[in-house]
PDB file of N, CA and C in Angstrom:
ATOM      1  N   MET A   1       9.908 -30.258  -9.679  1.00  0.00           N
ATOM      2  CA  MET A   1       8.753 -29.522 -10.128  1.00  0.00           C
ATOM      3  C   MET A   1       9.160 -28.114 -10.563  1.00  0.00           C
ATOM      4  N   ALA A   2      10.129 -27.529  -9.882  1.00  0.00           N
ATOM      5  CA  ALA A   2      10.565 -26.185 -10.249  1.00  0.00           C
ATOM      6  C   ALA A   2      11.173 -26.168 -11.644  1.00  0.00           C
ATOM      7  N   SER A   3      12.020 -27.151 -11.956  1.00  0.00           N
ATOM      8  CA  SER A   3      12.669 -27.170 -13.270  1.00  0.00           C
ATOM      9  C   SER A   3      11.655 -27.416 -14.393  1.00  0.00           C
ATOM     10  N   ALA A   4      10.536 -28.037 -14.066  1.00  0.00           N
ATOM     11  CA  ALA A   4       9.481 -28.271 -15.052  1.00  0.00           C
ATOM     12  C   ALA A   4       8.540 -27.079 -15.166  1.00  0.00           C
ATOM     13  N   GLY A   5       8.720 -26.080 -14.291  1.00  0.00           N
ATOM     14  CA  GLY A   5       7.878 -24.896 -14.328  1.00  0.00           C
ATOM     15  C   GLY A   5       6.526 -25.079 -13.664  1.00  0.00           C
ATOM     16  N   LEU A   6       6.411 -26.103 -12.819  1.00  0.00           N
ATOM     17  CA  LEU A   6       5.125 -26.372 -12.159  1.00  0.00           C
ATOM     18  C   LEU A   6       4.948 -25.594 -10.864  1.00  0.00           C
ATOM     19  N   ILE A   7       6.037 -25.090 -10.315  1.00  0.00           N
ATOM     20  CA  ILE A   7       5.947 -24.283  -9.100  1.00  0.00           C
ATOM     21  C   ILE A   7       6.840 -23.060  -9.256  1.00  0.00           C
ATOM     22  N   THR A   8       6.552 -22.041  -8.474  1.00  0.00           N
ATOM     23  CA  THR A   8       7.378 -20.846  -8.486  1.00  0.00           C
ATOM     24  C   THR A   8       8.557 -21.059  -7.546  1.00  0.00           C
ATOM     25  N   GLU A   9       9.465 -20.099  -7.531  1.00  0.00           N
ATOM     26  CA  GLU A   9      10.639 -20.215  -6.664  1.00  0.00           C
ATOM     27  C   GLU A   9      10.262 -20.283  -5.191  1.00  0.00           C
ATOM     28  N   ASP A  10       9.140 -19.664  -4.812  1.00  0.00           N
ATOM     29  CA  ASP A  10       8.699 -19.715  -3.416  1.00  0.00           C
ATOM     30  C   ASP A  10       7.756 -20.899  -3.169  1.00  0.00           C
ATOM     31  N   ILE A  11       7.817 -21.885  -4.034  1.00  0.00           N
ATOM     32  CA  ILE A  11       7.129 -23.170  -3.927  1.00  0.00           C
ATOM     33  C   ILE A  11       5.600 -23.050  -3.993  1.00  0.00           C
ATOM     34  N   LYS A  12       5.103 -22.049  -4.698  1.00  0.00           N
ATOM     35  CA  LYS A  12       3.667 -21.943  -4.926  1.00  0.00           C
ATOM     36  C   LYS A  12       3.358 -22.587  -6.277  1.00  0.00           C
ATOM     37  N   PRO A  13       2.356 -23.461  -6.323  1.00  0.00           N
ATOM     38  CA  PRO A  13       2.048 -24.135  -7.588  1.00  0.00           C
ATOM     39  C   PRO A  13       1.467 -23.179  -8.627  1.00  0.00           C
ATOM     40  N   HIS A  14       1.711 -23.472  -9.886  1.00  0.00           N
ATOM     41  CA  HIS A  14       1.155 -22.714 -11.009  1.00  0.00           C
ATOM     42  C   HIS A  14      -0.183 -23.308 -11.438  1.00  0.00           C
ATOM     43  N   PHE A  15      -0.775 -24.140 -10.620  1.00  0.00           N
ATOM     44  CA  PHE A  15      -2.032 -24.788 -10.968  1.00  0.00           C
ATOM     45  C   PHE A  15      -2.829 -25.011  -9.693  1.00  0.00           C
ATOM     46  N   SER A  16      -4.118 -25.249  -9.858  1.00  0.00           N
ATOM     47  CA  SER A  16      -4.992 -25.499  -8.714  1.00  0.00           C
ATOM     48  C   SER A  16      -5.487 -26.946  -8.744  1.00  0.00           C
ATOM     49  N   SER A  17      -6.127 -27.358  -7.686  1.00  0.00           N
ATOM     50  CA  SER A  17      -6.699 -28.703  -7.674  1.00  0.00           C
ATOM     51  C   SER A  17      -7.785 -28.822  -8.749  1.00  0.00           C
ATOM     52  N   HIS A  18      -8.456 -27.719  -9.037  1.00  0.00           N
ATOM     53  CA  HIS A  18      -9.478 -27.723 -10.086  1.00  0.00           C
ATOM     54  C   HIS A  18      -8.829 -27.987 -11.451  1.00  0.00           C
ATOM     55  N   THR A  19      -7.653 -27.423 -11.666  1.00  0.00           N
ATOM     56  CA  THR A  19      -6.904 -27.665 -12.900  1.00  0.00           C
ATOM     57  C   THR A  19      -6.543 -29.134 -13.023  1.00  0.00           C
ATOM     58  N   LEU A  20      -6.124 -29.740 -11.917  1.00  0.00           N
ATOM     59  CA  LEU A  20      -5.776 -31.158 -11.933  1.00  0.00           C
ATOM     60  C   LEU A  20      -7.001 -32.016 -12.244  1.00  0.00           C
ATOM     61  N   ARG A  21      -8.153 -31.608 -11.740  1.00  0.00           N
ATOM     62  CA  ARG A  21      -9.402 -32.332 -12.011  1.00  0.00           C
ATOM     63  C   ARG A  21      -9.721 -32.299 -13.510  1.00  0.00           C
ATOM     64  N   HIS A  22      -9.576 -31.113 -14.118  1.00  0.00           N
ATOM     65  CA  HIS A  22      -9.825 -30.985 -15.545  1.00  0.00           C
ATOM     66  C   HIS A  22      -8.830 -31.809 -16.356  1.00  0.00           C
ATOM     67  N   THR A  23      -7.584 -31.834 -15.906  1.00  0.00           N
ATOM     68  CA  THR A  23      -6.566 -32.624 -16.591  1.00  0.00           C
ATOM     69  C   THR A  23      -6.928 -34.104 -16.548  1.00  0.00           C
ATOM     70  N   ALA A  24      -7.366 -34.573 -15.385  1.00  0.00           N
ATOM     71  CA  ALA A  24      -7.758 -35.977 -15.250  1.00  0.00           C
ATOM     72  C   ALA A  24      -8.898 -36.309 -16.205  1.00  0.00           C
ATOM     73  N   VAL A  25      -9.892 -35.444 -16.274  1.00  0.00           N
ATOM     74  CA  VAL A  25     -11.032 -35.678 -17.175  1.00  0.00           C
ATOM     75  C   VAL A  25     -10.560 -35.741 -18.627  1.00  0.00           C
ATOM     76  N   SER A  26      -9.692 -34.818 -19.016  1.00  0.00           N
ATOM     77  CA  SER A  26      -9.179 -34.821 -20.384  1.00  0.00           C
ATOM     78  C   SER A  26      -8.455 -36.123 -20.698  1.00  0.00           C
ATOM     79  N   LEU A  27      -7.652 -36.600 -19.766  1.00  0.00           N
ATOM     80  CA  LEU A  27      -6.923 -37.848 -19.973  1.00  0.00           C
ATOM     81  C   LEU A  27      -7.871 -39.041 -20.048  1.00  0.00           C
ATOM     82  N   TRP A  28      -8.882 -39.059 -19.196  1.00  0.00           N
ATOM     83  CA  TRP A  28      -9.852 -40.168 -19.219  1.00  0.00           C
ATOM     84  C   TRP A  28     -10.579 -40.209 -20.563  1.00  0.00           C
ATOM     85  N   ILE A  29     -10.992 -39.047 -21.049  1.00  0.00           N
ATOM     86  CA  ILE A  29     -11.700 -38.992 -22.331  1.00  0.00           C
ATOM     87  C   ILE A  29     -10.771 -39.435 -23.456  1.00  0.00           C
ATOM     88  N   GLU A  30      -9.518 -38.968 -23.399  1.00  0.00           N
ATOM     89  CA  GLU A  30      -8.538 -39.358 -24.414  1.00  0.00           C
ATOM     90  C   GLU A  30      -8.285 -40.864 -24.387  1.00  0.00           C
ATOM     91  N   MET A  31      -8.367 -41.464 -23.197  1.00  0.00           N
ATOM     92  CA  MET A  31      -8.160 -42.907 -23.057  1.00  0.00           C
ATOM     93  C   MET A  31      -9.364 -43.711 -23.522  1.00  0.00           C
ATOM     94  N   GLY A  32     -10.484 -43.031 -23.766  1.00  0.00           N
ATOM     95  CA  GLY A  32     -11.655 -43.711 -24.284  1.00  0.00           C
ATOM     96  C   GLY A  32     -12.720 -44.042 -23.262  1.00  0.00           C
ATOM     97  N   LEU A  33     -12.611 -43.512 -22.039  1.00  0.00           N
ATOM     98  CA  LEU A  33     -13.670 -43.767 -21.058  1.00  0.00           C
ATOM     99  C   LEU A  33     -14.978 -43.184 -21.559  1.00  0.00           C
ATOM    100  N   GLN A  34     -16.046 -43.888 -21.313  1.00  0.00           N
ATOM    101  CA  GLN A  34     -17.368 -43.433 -21.713  1.00  0.00           C
ATOM    102  C   GLN A  34     -17.789 -42.246 -20.843  1.00  0.00           C
ATOM    103  N   PRO A  35     -18.519 -41.297 -21.411  1.00  0.00           N
ATOM    104  CA  PRO A  35     -18.953 -40.125 -20.650  1.00  0.00           C
ATOM    105  C   PRO A  35     -19.681 -40.481 -19.345  1.00  0.00           C
ATOM    106  N   ALA A  36     -20.500 -41.523 -19.365  1.00  0.00           N
ATOM    107  CA  ALA A  36     -21.223 -41.915 -18.151  1.00  0.00           C
ATOM    108  C   ALA A  36     -20.258 -42.362 -17.049  1.00  0.00           C
ATOM    109  N   CYS A  37     -19.164 -43.002 -17.432  1.00  0.00           N
ATOM    110  CA  CYS A  37     -18.156 -43.431 -16.463  1.00  0.00           C
ATOM    111  C   CYS A  37     -17.450 -42.215 -15.862  1.00  0.00           C
ATOM    112  N   VAL A  38     -17.079 -41.253 -16.715  1.00  0.00           N
ATOM    113  CA  VAL A  38     -16.434 -40.030 -16.235  1.00  0.00           C
ATOM    114  C   VAL A  38     -17.384 -39.279 -15.310  1.00  0.00           C
ATOM    115  N   GLN A  39     -18.651 -39.243 -15.681  1.00  0.00           N
ATOM    116  CA  GLN A  39     -19.670 -38.580 -14.858  1.00  0.00           C
ATOM    117  C   GLN A  39     -19.683 -39.165 -13.454  1.00  0.00           C
ATOM    118  N   LYS A  40     -19.671 -40.490 -13.357  1.00  0.00           N
ATOM    119  CA  LYS A  40     -19.696 -41.145 -12.044  1.00  0.00           C
ATOM    120  C   LYS A  40     -18.425 -40.856 -11.265  1.00  0.00           C
ATOM    121  N   LEU A  41     -17.274 -40.883 -11.935  1.00  0.00           N
ATOM    122  CA  LEU A  41     -16.016 -40.594 -11.259  1.00  0.00           C
ATOM    123  C   LEU A  41     -16.000 -39.183 -10.673  1.00  0.00           C
ATOM    124  N   LEU A  42     -16.637 -38.239 -11.374  1.00  0.00           N
ATOM    125  CA  LEU A  42     -16.676 -36.856 -10.914  1.00  0.00           C
ATOM    126  C   LEU A  42     -17.763 -36.602  -9.885  1.00  0.00           C
ATOM    127  N   GLY A  43     -18.695 -37.521  -9.773  1.00  0.00           N
ATOM    128  CA  GLY A  43     -19.787 -37.333  -8.833  1.00  0.00           C
ATOM    129  C   GLY A  43     -20.866 -36.397  -9.352  1.00  0.00           C
ATOM    130  N   HIS A  44     -20.949 -36.248 -10.687  1.00  0.00           N
ATOM    131  CA  HIS A  44     -21.974 -35.393 -11.275  1.00  0.00           C
ATOM    132  C   HIS A  44     -23.284 -36.150 -11.376  1.00  0.00           C
ATOM    133  N   ALA A  45     -24.391 -35.423 -11.195  1.00  0.00           N
ATOM    134  CA  ALA A  45     -25.713 -36.030 -11.260  1.00  0.00           C
ATOM    135  C   ALA A  45     -26.139 -36.302 -12.690  1.00  0.00           C
ATOM    136  N   SER A  46     -25.622 -35.511 -13.637  1.00  0.00           N
ATOM    137  CA  SER A  46     -25.997 -35.713 -15.032  1.00  0.00           C
ATOM    138  C   SER A  46     -24.821 -35.359 -15.931  1.00  0.00           C
ATOM    139  N   LEU A  47     -24.894 -35.800 -17.184  1.00  0.00           N
ATOM    140  CA  LEU A  47     -23.856 -35.458 -18.152  1.00  0.00           C
ATOM    141  C   LEU A  47     -23.871 -33.979 -18.504  1.00  0.00           C
ATOM    142  N   ARG A  48     -25.012 -33.332 -18.357  1.00  0.00           N
ATOM    143  CA  ARG A  48     -25.155 -31.917 -18.694  1.00  0.00           C
ATOM    144  C   ARG A  48     -24.144 -31.067 -17.918  1.00  0.00           C
ATOM    145  N   MET A  49     -23.802 -31.464 -16.705  1.00  0.00           N
ATOM    146  CA  MET A  49     -22.861 -30.695 -15.894  1.00  0.00           C
ATOM    147  C   MET A  49     -21.456 -30.732 -16.480  1.00  0.00           C
ATOM    148  N   MET A  50     -21.162 -31.687 -17.337  1.00  0.00           N
ATOM    149  CA  MET A  50     -19.825 -31.869 -17.877  1.00  0.00           C
ATOM    150  C   MET A  50     -19.583 -31.046 -19.131  1.00  0.00           C
ATOM    151  N   VAL A  51     -20.613 -30.423 -19.657  1.00  0.00           N
ATOM    152  CA  VAL A  51     -20.477 -29.659 -20.916  1.00  0.00           C
ATOM    153  C   VAL A  51     -19.992 -28.273 -20.633  1.00  0.00           C
TER     154      VAL A  51
END
């Protein structure tokens, strides 16, 4: 992970769990998942929260 630049020398990540969540959503959308499916995976009550 260090050689990829994902963590600092003192082993602190350059990203948060929230960043990973956004990355997952981007990948799901790129893969063609329907917005309603992504909404359910995220636990959102409506699609409006995803905008």
